[in-house]
């Protein structure tokens, strides 16, 4: 039964990891949308556009990270579900 417990804890850890990844990506996406001004202020008209673009995270990369986090959490959930089924089968077999 220790294998089932290890699989369950591994699945829960994977779910938490995926959730953290999704939260980071969502924050980056929200930050990108919030930090993109519609018209540049007059005082920054001499600033190079490259310097402000370097500070913002890439929106496409953030969307990819969001999807990777989603799949990671789903994989962890499937692992927990499988461990639960294995444990149920072991209990049924032992009884």
Protein backbone atom coordinates (compact mmCIF):
# COMPACT_ATOMS: atom_id res chain seq x y z
CA UNK A 1 0.00 0.00 0.00
CA UNK A 2 2.98 2.30 0.30
CA UNK A 3 3.13 2.50 -3.49
CA UNK A 4 -0.41 3.86 -3.54
CA UNK A 5 0.40 6.44 -0.87
CA UNK A 6 3.51 7.52 -2.79
CA UNK A 7 1.50 7.76 -6.01
CA UNK A 8 -1.17 9.83 -4.27
CA UNK A 9 1.33 12.23 -2.74
CA UNK A 10 3.14 12.51 -6.06
CA UNK A 11 -0.15 13.29 -7.79
CA UNK A 12 -1.03 15.95 -5.23
CA UNK A 13 2.41 17.49 -5.61
CA UNK A 14 1.95 17.58 -9.38
CA UNK A 15 -1.45 19.23 -9.03
CA UNK A 16 0.03 21.90 -6.75
CA UNK A 17 2.92 22.47 -9.15
CA UNK A 18 0.51 22.91 -12.05
CA UNK A 19 -1.60 25.30 -10.02
CA UNK A 20 1.43 27.44 -9.16
CA UNK A 21 2.42 27.51 -12.85
CA UNK A 22 -1.09 28.58 -13.86
CA UNK A 23 -1.13 31.32 -11.21
CA UNK A 24 2.25 32.67 -12.36
CA UNK A 25 1.21 32.65 -16.01
CA UNK A 26 -2.11 34.32 -15.21
CA UNK A 27 -0.32 37.04 -13.25
CA UNK A 28 2.05 37.62 -16.17
CA UNK A 29 -0.86 37.81 -18.61
CA UNK A 30 -2.73 40.23 -16.35
CA UNK A 31 0.44 42.29 -15.91
CA UNK A 32 1.02 42.40 -19.64
CA UNK A 33 -2.51 43.61 -20.30
CA UNK A 34 -2.33 46.17 -17.50
CA UNK A 35 1.11 47.48 -18.41
CA UNK A 36 0.39 48.01 -22.11
CA UNK A 37 -0.61 51.69 -22.35
CA UNK A 38 -2.87 52.71 -25.21
CA UNK A 39 -0.94 55.93 -25.83
CA UNK A 40 2.61 56.55 -24.63
CA UNK A 41 3.08 59.50 -22.25
CA UNK A 42 4.87 62.54 -23.67
CA UNK A 43 7.74 62.26 -21.19
CA UNK A 44 8.61 58.78 -22.44
CA UNK A 45 8.47 59.58 -26.15
CA UNK A 46 12.29 59.65 -26.30
CA UNK A 47 12.63 56.26 -24.57
CA UNK A 48 13.46 53.35 -26.79
CA UNK A 49 10.54 50.98 -27.37
CA UNK A 50 12.92 48.04 -26.99
CA UNK A 51 13.64 48.79 -23.32
CA UNK A 52 9.97 48.71 -22.31
CA UNK A 53 9.34 45.56 -24.36
CA UNK A 54 12.20 43.78 -22.60
CA UNK A 55 10.61 44.32 -19.17
CA UNK A 56 7.21 42.82 -20.11
CA UNK A 57 6.82 39.05 -20.34
CA UNK A 58 5.97 37.63 -23.74
CA UNK A 59 2.21 37.13 -23.98
CA UNK A 60 2.51 34.04 -26.18
CA UNK A 61 4.97 32.42 -23.75
CA UNK A 62 2.66 33.20 -20.84
CA UNK A 63 -0.27 31.58 -22.66
CA UNK A 64 1.84 28.49 -23.34
CA UNK A 65 2.82 28.34 -19.65
CA UNK A 66 -0.85 28.64 -18.72
CA UNK A 67 -1.72 25.65 -20.90
CA UNK A 68 1.26 23.61 -19.64
CA UNK A 69 0.15 24.27 -16.06
CA UNK A 70 -3.36 23.16 -16.92
CA UNK A 71 -2.12 19.88 -18.39
CA UNK A 72 0.23 19.36 -15.47
CA UNK A 73 -2.62 19.72 -12.97
CA UNK A 74 -4.81 17.39 -15.02
CA UNK A 75 -2.06 14.76 -15.12
CA UNK A 76 -1.69 14.98 -11.35
CA UNK A 77 -5.45 14.56 -10.93
CA UNK A 78 -5.38 11.47 -13.12
CA UNK A 79 -2.53 10.08 -11.05
CA UNK A 80 -4.48 10.58 -7.82
CA UNK A 81 -7.55 8.99 -9.41
CA UNK A 82 -5.54 5.97 -10.57
CA UNK A 83 -3.94 5.57 -7.14
CA UNK A 84 -7.42 5.66 -5.59
CA UNK A 85 -8.63 2.95 -7.99
CA UNK A 86 -5.58 0.79 -7.24
CA UNK A 87 -6.16 1.18 -3.51
CA UNK A 88 -9.81 0.22 -3.95
CA UNK A 89 -8.82 -2.87 -5.95
CA UNK A 90 -6.28 -3.87 -3.27
CA UNK A 91 -8.89 -3.51 -0.54
CA UNK A 92 -11.43 -5.53 -2.55
CA UNK A 93 -8.84 -8.24 -3.19
CA UNK A 94 -7.83 -8.41 0.48
CA UNK A 95 -11.41 -8.62 1.75
